[in-house]
Every structure is written in structure tokens, then in C-alpha cells.
């Protein structure tokens, strides 16, 4: 994983990354979101191998690194 976070296309602030869960399925996904205003940009990554890698990483590292 890279240490550089993508930027918001509206305000150019760094995006924070949150772990979220589907409303109906309850499946986890990674959500990059604008740290300044969540209405600017919000994305959803549900590629299972990538989400599992993030979950494993969070279990072994400090969660504050991912904007939580």
C-alpha cells in the first residue's frame, strides 16, 4: 500500500478512507471520502480480495492511519 492518499477532485484535499458495510448485504467495503466535505467525493470499493487485505492490515496496525 502506498502512503500517498488520492485527492478530492473538487477541493483537492486528501481523501480519508473508512471501512463501511452494505445496508442489505452487511458485506464490508472500503469507502474513500472527502475529508473536508463528504458530499464532494465518496467512492465504494468492494473488490473482495482488496477489502480482505485492508481488513487484515487493520487488524495488525493502528486504525488511525486510515482516517478512523
PDB file of N, CA and C in Angstrom:
ATOM      1  N   UNK A   1       0.833  -1.173   0.000  1.00  0.00           N
ATOM      2  CA  UNK A   1       0.000   0.000   0.000  1.00  0.00           C
ATOM      3  C   UNK A   1       0.877   1.234   0.000  1.00  0.00           C
ATOM      4  N   UNK A   2       0.413   2.255  -0.662  1.00  0.00           N
ATOM      5  CA  UNK A   2       1.149   3.498  -0.731  1.00  0.00           C
ATOM      6  C   UNK A   2       0.722   4.442   0.388  1.00  0.00           C
ATOM      7  N   UNK A   3       1.618   5.302   0.802  1.00  0.00           N
ATOM      8  CA  UNK A   3       1.304   6.249   1.872  1.00  0.00           C
ATOM      9  C   UNK A   3       0.615   7.497   1.341  1.00  0.00           C
ATOM     10  N   UNK A   4       0.674   7.745   0.044  1.00  0.00           N
ATOM     11  CA  UNK A   4       0.048   8.930  -0.517  1.00  0.00           C
ATOM     12  C   UNK A   4      -1.418   8.662  -0.818  1.00  0.00           C
ATOM     13  N   UNK A   5      -2.275   9.518  -0.258  1.00  0.00           N
ATOM     14  CA  UNK A   5      -3.707   9.358  -0.449  1.00  0.00           C
ATOM     15  C   UNK A   5      -4.154  10.119  -1.688  1.00  0.00           C
ATOM     16  N   UNK A   6      -5.153   9.618  -2.402  1.00  0.00           N
ATOM     17  CA  UNK A   6      -5.703  10.362  -3.539  1.00  0.00           C
ATOM     18  C   UNK A   6      -6.342  11.663  -3.053  1.00  0.00           C
ATOM     19  N   UNK A   7      -6.545  12.595  -3.970  1.00  0.00           N
ATOM     20  CA  UNK A   7      -7.102  13.901  -3.659  1.00  0.00           C
ATOM     21  C   UNK A   7      -8.547  14.015  -4.133  1.00  0.00           C
ATOM     22  N   UNK A   8      -9.306  14.837  -3.443  1.00  0.00           N
ATOM     23  CA  UNK A   8     -10.675  15.138  -3.842  1.00  0.00           C
ATOM     24  C   UNK A   8     -10.640  15.935  -5.144  1.00  0.00           C
ATOM     25  N   UNK A   9     -11.438  15.547  -6.136  1.00  0.00           N
ATOM     26  CA  UNK A   9     -11.439  16.288  -7.404  1.00  0.00           C
ATOM     27  C   UNK A   9     -12.075  17.674  -7.296  1.00  0.00           C
ATOM     28  N   UNK A  10     -12.799  17.975  -6.220  1.00  0.00           N
ATOM     29  CA  UNK A  10     -13.458  19.269  -6.047  1.00  0.00           C
ATOM     30  C   UNK A  10     -12.575  20.257  -5.288  1.00  0.00           C
ATOM     31  N   UNK A  11     -12.078  19.856  -4.097  1.00  0.00           N
ATOM     32  CA  UNK A  11     -11.346  20.795  -3.237  1.00  0.00           C
ATOM     33  C   UNK A  11      -9.858  20.477  -3.125  1.00  0.00           C
ATOM     34  N   UNK A  12      -9.421  19.364  -3.673  1.00  0.00           N
ATOM     35  CA  UNK A  12      -8.016  18.937  -3.668  1.00  0.00           C
ATOM     36  C   UNK A  12      -7.476  18.561  -2.289  1.00  0.00           C
ATOM     37  N   UNK A  13      -8.346  18.384  -1.302  1.00  0.00           N
ATOM     38  CA  UNK A  13      -7.924  17.847   0.000  1.00  0.00           C
ATOM     39  C   UNK A  13      -7.707  16.345  -0.135  1.00  0.00           C
ATOM     40  N   UNK A  14      -6.937  15.781   0.780  1.00  0.00           N
ATOM     41  CA  UNK A  14      -6.743  14.331   0.789  1.00  0.00           C
ATOM     42  C   UNK A  14      -8.058  13.629   1.115  1.00  0.00           C
ATOM     43  N   UNK A  15      -8.261  12.473   0.516  1.00  0.00           N
ATOM     44  CA  UNK A  15      -9.420  11.658   0.855  1.00  0.00           C
ATOM     45  C   UNK A  15      -9.091  10.830   2.084  1.00  0.00           C
ATOM     46  N   UNK A  16     -10.037  10.680   2.980  1.00  0.00           N
ATOM     47  CA  UNK A  16      -9.863   9.752   4.087  1.00  0.00           C
ATOM     48  C   UNK A  16     -10.472   8.424   3.660  1.00  0.00           C
ATOM     49  N   UNK A  17     -10.103   7.377   4.336  1.00  0.00           N
ATOM     50  CA  UNK A  17     -10.599   6.042   3.992  1.00  0.00           C
ATOM     51  C   UNK A  17     -11.322   5.476   5.204  1.00  0.00           C
ATOM     52  N   UNK A  18     -12.523   5.014   4.975  1.00  0.00           N
ATOM     53  CA  UNK A  18     -13.326   4.426   6.052  1.00  0.00           C
ATOM     54  C   UNK A  18     -13.720   3.004   5.681  1.00  0.00           C
ATOM     55  N   UNK A  19     -13.921   2.213   6.683  1.00  0.00           N
ATOM     56  CA  UNK A  19     -14.468   0.881   6.487  1.00  0.00           C
ATOM     57  C   UNK A  19     -15.969   0.996   6.702  1.00  0.00           C
ATOM     58  N   UNK A  20     -16.747   0.513   5.764  1.00  0.00           N
ATOM     59  CA  UNK A  20     -18.205   0.594   5.868  1.00  0.00           C
ATOM     60  C   UNK A  20     -18.803  -0.766   5.526  1.00  0.00           C
ATOM     61  N   UNK A  21     -20.097  -0.885   5.737  1.00  0.00           N
ATOM     62  CA  UNK A  21     -20.790  -2.146   5.482  1.00  0.00           C
ATOM     63  C   UNK A  21     -22.046  -1.885   4.664  1.00  0.00           C
ATOM     64  N   UNK A  22     -22.350  -2.791   3.735  1.00  0.00           N
ATOM     65  CA  UNK A  22     -23.549  -2.672   2.912  1.00  0.00           C
ATOM     66  C   UNK A  22     -24.802  -2.722   3.768  1.00  0.00           C
ATOM     67  N   UNK A  23     -25.785  -1.926   3.417  1.00  0.00           N
ATOM     68  CA  UNK A  23     -27.039  -1.881   4.190  1.00  0.00           C
ATOM     69  C   UNK A  23     -27.776  -3.212   4.172  1.00  0.00           C
ATOM     70  N   UNK A  24     -27.916  -3.783   3.000  1.00  0.00           N
ATOM     71  CA  UNK A  24     -28.671  -5.040   2.889  1.00  0.00           C
ATOM     72  C   UNK A  24     -27.786  -6.262   3.083  1.00  0.00           C
ATOM     73  N   UNK A  25     -26.614  -6.262   2.432  1.00  0.00           N
ATOM     74  CA  UNK A  25     -25.763  -7.457   2.461  1.00  0.00           C
ATOM     75  C   UNK A  25     -24.937  -7.561   3.736  1.00  0.00           C
ATOM     76  N   UNK A  26     -24.610  -6.416   4.336  1.00  0.00           N
ATOM     77  CA  UNK A  26     -23.751  -6.426   5.519  1.00  0.00           C
ATOM     78  C   UNK A  26     -22.292  -6.683   5.188  1.00  0.00           C
ATOM     79  N   UNK A  27     -21.968  -6.774   3.892  1.00  0.00           N
ATOM     80  CA  UNK A  27     -20.588  -7.035   3.481  1.00  0.00           C
ATOM     81  C   UNK A  27     -19.739  -5.780   3.658  1.00  0.00           C
ATOM     82  N   UNK A  28     -18.480  -5.967   4.085  1.00  0.00           N
ATOM     83  CA  UNK A  28     -17.610  -4.801   4.257  1.00  0.00           C
ATOM     84  C   UNK A  28     -17.129  -4.252   2.912  1.00  0.00           C
ATOM     85  N   UNK A  29     -16.880  -2.954   2.884  1.00  0.00           N
ATOM     86  CA  UNK A  29     -16.249  -2.341   1.733  1.00  0.00           C
ATOM     87  C   UNK A  29     -15.423  -1.164   2.195  1.00  0.00           C
ATOM     88  N   UNK A  30     -14.517  -0.719   1.353  1.00  0.00           N
ATOM     89  CA  UNK A  30     -13.647   0.412   1.654  1.00  0.00           C
ATOM     90  C   UNK A  30     -14.269   1.639   0.998  1.00  0.00           C
ATOM     91  N   UNK A  31     -14.387   2.726   1.768  1.00  0.00           N
ATOM     92  CA  UNK A  31     -15.019   3.928   1.256  1.00  0.00           C
ATOM     93  C   UNK A  31     -14.052   5.112   1.345  1.00  0.00           C
ATOM     94  N   UNK A  32     -13.440   5.516   0.220  1.00  0.00           N
ATOM     95  CA  UNK A  32     -12.692   6.772   0.215  1.00  0.00           C
ATOM     96  C   UNK A  32     -13.696   7.933   0.180  1.00  0.00           C
ATOM     97  N   UNK A  33     -13.465   8.951   1.011  1.00  0.00           N
ATOM     98  CA  UNK A  33     -14.406  10.059   1.128  1.00  0.00           C
ATOM     99  C   UNK A  33     -13.637  11.352   1.364  1.00  0.00           C
ATOM    100  N   UNK A  34     -14.153  12.458   0.844  1.00  0.00           N
ATOM    101  CA  UNK A  34     -13.507  13.754   1.040  1.00  0.00           C
ATOM    102  C   UNK A  34     -13.503  14.088   2.527  1.00  0.00           C
ATOM    103  N   UNK A  35     -12.324  14.409   3.064  1.00  0.00           N
ATOM    104  CA  UNK A  35     -12.197  14.716   4.488  1.00  0.00           C
ATOM    105  C   UNK A  35     -12.844  16.057   4.826  1.00  0.00           C
ATOM    106  N   UNK A  36     -12.867  16.980   3.881  1.00  0.00           N
ATOM    107  CA  UNK A  36     -13.443  18.302   4.135  1.00  0.00           C
ATOM    108  C   UNK A  36     -14.968  18.261   4.078  1.00  0.00           C
ATOM    109  N   UNK A  37     -15.513  17.639   3.046  1.00  0.00           N
ATOM    110  CA  UNK A  37     -16.966  17.595   2.865  1.00  0.00           C
ATOM    111  C   UNK A  37     -17.309  16.314   2.110  1.00  0.00           C
ATOM    112  N   UNK A  38     -17.936  15.385   2.759  1.00  0.00           N
ATOM    113  CA  UNK A  38     -18.258  14.088   2.179  1.00  0.00           C
ATOM    114  C   UNK A  38     -19.146  14.148   0.957  1.00  0.00           C
ATOM    115  N   UNK A  39     -19.766  15.307   0.707  1.00  0.00           N
ATOM    116  CA  UNK A  39     -20.602  15.448  -0.490  1.00  0.00           C
ATOM    117  C   UNK A  39     -19.752  15.660  -1.742  1.00  0.00           C
ATOM    118  N   UNK A  40     -18.497  16.101  -1.567  1.00  0.00           N
ATOM    119  CA  UNK A  40     -17.607  16.326  -2.713  1.00  0.00           C
ATOM    120  C   UNK A  40     -17.294  15.027  -3.436  1.00  0.00           C
ATOM    121  N   UNK A  41     -16.842  14.052  -2.696  1.00  0.00           N
ATOM    122  CA  UNK A  41     -16.468  12.775  -3.301  1.00  0.00           C
ATOM    123  C   UNK A  41     -16.690  11.664  -2.304  1.00  0.00           C
ATOM    124  N   UNK A  42     -17.283  10.583  -2.784  1.00  0.00           N
ATOM    125  CA  UNK A  42     -17.481   9.388  -1.971  1.00  0.00           C
ATOM    126  C   UNK A  42     -17.422   8.205  -2.923  1.00  0.00           C
ATOM    127  N   UNK A  43     -16.551   7.277  -2.654  1.00  0.00           N
ATOM    128  CA  UNK A  43     -16.413   6.107  -3.504  1.00  0.00           C
ATOM    129  C   UNK A  43     -16.612   4.838  -2.701  1.00  0.00           C
ATOM    130  N   UNK A  44     -16.859   3.746  -3.397  1.00  0.00           N
ATOM    131  CA  UNK A  44     -17.084   2.464  -2.736  1.00  0.00           C
ATOM    132  C   UNK A  44     -16.273   1.405  -3.454  1.00  0.00           C
ATOM    133  N   UNK A  45     -15.402   0.742  -2.710  1.00  0.00           N
ATOM    134  CA  UNK A  45     -14.578  -0.331  -3.269  1.00  0.00           C
ATOM    135  C   UNK A  45     -15.025  -1.629  -2.602  1.00  0.00           C
ATOM    136  N   UNK A  46     -15.531  -2.546  -3.394  1.00  0.00           N
ATOM    137  CA  UNK A  46     -16.000  -3.807  -2.809  1.00  0.00           C
ATOM    138  C   UNK A  46     -15.316  -5.017  -3.435  1.00  0.00           C
ATOM    139  N   UNK A  47     -14.169  -4.815  -4.070  1.00  0.00           N
ATOM    140  CA  UNK A  47     -13.399  -5.929  -4.633  1.00  0.00           C
ATOM    141  C   UNK A  47     -12.917  -6.800  -3.464  1.00  0.00           C
ATOM    142  N   UNK A  48     -13.499  -7.979  -3.352  1.00  0.00           N
ATOM    143  CA  UNK A  48     -13.307  -8.834  -2.179  1.00  0.00           C
ATOM    144  C   UNK A  48     -11.838  -9.031  -1.763  1.00  0.00           C
ATOM    145  N   UNK A  49     -10.907  -9.400  -2.673  1.00  0.00           N
ATOM    146  CA  UNK A  49      -9.515  -9.596  -2.238  1.00  0.00           C
ATOM    147  C   UNK A  49      -8.888  -8.322  -1.660  1.00  0.00           C
ATOM    148  N   UNK A  50      -9.204  -7.168  -2.249  1.00  0.00           N
ATOM    149  CA  UNK A  50      -8.647  -5.907  -1.747  1.00  0.00           C
ATOM    150  C   UNK A  50      -9.210  -5.571  -0.366  1.00  0.00           C
ATOM    151  N   UNK A  51     -10.521  -5.722  -0.193  1.00  0.00           N
ATOM    152  CA  UNK A  51     -11.147  -5.429   1.101  1.00  0.00           C
ATOM    153  C   UNK A  51     -10.599  -6.372   2.174  1.00  0.00           C
ATOM    154  N   UNK A  52     -10.417  -7.646   1.845  1.00  0.00           N
ATOM    155  CA  UNK A  52      -9.852  -8.588   2.814  1.00  0.00           C
ATOM    156  C   UNK A  52      -8.432  -8.199   3.196  1.00  0.00           C
ATOM    157  N   UNK A  53      -7.648  -7.713   2.236  1.00  0.00           N
ATOM    158  CA  UNK A  53      -6.281  -7.268   2.523  1.00  0.00           C
ATOM    159  C   UNK A  53      -6.305  -6.068   3.480  1.00  0.00           C
ATOM    160  N   UNK A  54      -7.213  -5.131   3.250  1.00  0.00           N
ATOM    161  CA  UNK A  54      -7.345  -3.966   4.131  1.00  0.00           C
ATOM    162  C   UNK A  54      -7.762  -4.402   5.526  1.00  0.00           C
ATOM    163  N   UNK A  55      -8.721  -5.317   5.627  1.00  0.00           N
ATOM    164  CA  UNK A  55      -9.168  -5.800   6.936  1.00  0.00           C
ATOM    165  C   UNK A  55      -8.035  -6.472   7.700  1.00  0.00           C
ATOM    166  N   UNK A  56      -7.249  -7.289   7.011  1.00  0.00           N
ATOM    167  CA  UNK A  56      -6.102  -7.934   7.656  1.00  0.00           C
ATOM    168  C   UNK A  56      -5.107  -6.893   8.138  1.00  0.00           C
ATOM    169  N   UNK A  57      -4.864  -5.883   7.310  1.00  0.00           N
ATOM    170  CA  UNK A  57      -3.928  -4.820   7.685  1.00  0.00           C
ATOM    171  C   UNK A  57      -4.426  -4.069   8.915  1.00  0.00           C
ATOM    172  N   UNK A  58      -5.720  -3.743   8.943  1.00  0.00           N
ATOM    173  CA  UNK A  58      -6.279  -3.012  10.079  1.00  0.00           C
ATOM    174  C   UNK A  58      -6.209  -3.815  11.370  1.00  0.00           C
ATOM    175  N   UNK A  59      -6.329  -5.120  11.272  1.00  0.00           N
ATOM    176  CA  UNK A  59      -6.256  -5.957  12.470  1.00  0.00           C
ATOM    177  C   UNK A  59      -4.868  -5.944  13.088  1.00  0.00           C
ATOM    178  N   UNK A  60      -3.836  -5.673  12.278  1.00  0.00           N
ATOM    179  CA  UNK A  60      -2.468  -5.720  12.784  1.00  0.00           C
ATOM    180  C   UNK A  60      -1.833  -4.344  12.954  1.00  0.00           C
ATOM    181  N   UNK A  61      -2.517  -3.270  12.532  1.00  0.00           N
ATOM    182  CA  UNK A  61      -1.964  -1.923  12.626  1.00  0.00           C
ATOM    183  C   UNK A  61      -2.950  -0.981  13.299  1.00  0.00           C
ATOM    184  N   UNK A  62      -2.473   0.224  13.559  1.00  0.00           N
ATOM    185  CA  UNK A  62      -3.273   1.250  14.202  1.00  0.00           C
ATOM    186  C   UNK A  62      -4.335   1.763  13.232  1.00  0.00           C
ATOM    187  N   UNK A  63      -5.607   1.711  13.609  1.00  0.00           N
ATOM    188  CA  UNK A  63      -6.711   2.112  12.734  1.00  0.00           C
ATOM    189  C   UNK A  63      -6.689   3.604  12.412  1.00  0.00           C
ATOM    190  N   UNK A  64      -6.031   4.423  13.222  1.00  0.00           N
ATOM    191  CA  UNK A  64      -5.999   5.860  12.962  1.00  0.00           C
ATOM    192  C   UNK A  64      -5.259   6.195  11.679  1.00  0.00           C
ATOM    193  N   UNK A  65      -4.450   5.296  11.165  1.00  0.00           N
ATOM    194  CA  UNK A  65      -3.739   5.536   9.908  1.00  0.00           C
ATOM    195  C   UNK A  65      -4.714   5.654   8.750  1.00  0.00           C
ATOM    196  N   UNK A  66      -5.932   5.160   8.894  1.00  0.00           N
ATOM    197  CA  UNK A  66      -6.900   5.132   7.808  1.00  0.00           C
ATOM    198  C   UNK A  66      -8.040   6.106   8.045  1.00  0.00           C
ATOM    199  N   UNK A  67      -7.769   7.154   8.778  1.00  0.00           N
ATOM    200  CA  UNK A  67      -8.783   8.182   8.946  1.00  0.00           C
ATOM    201  C   UNK A  67      -9.927   7.812   9.866  1.00  0.00           C
ATOM    202  N   UNK A  68      -9.765   6.846  10.709  1.00  0.00           N
ATOM    203  CA  UNK A  68     -10.809   6.457  11.642  1.00  0.00           C
ATOM    204  C   UNK A  68     -10.564   7.087  12.983  1.00  0.00           C
TER     205      UNK A  68
END
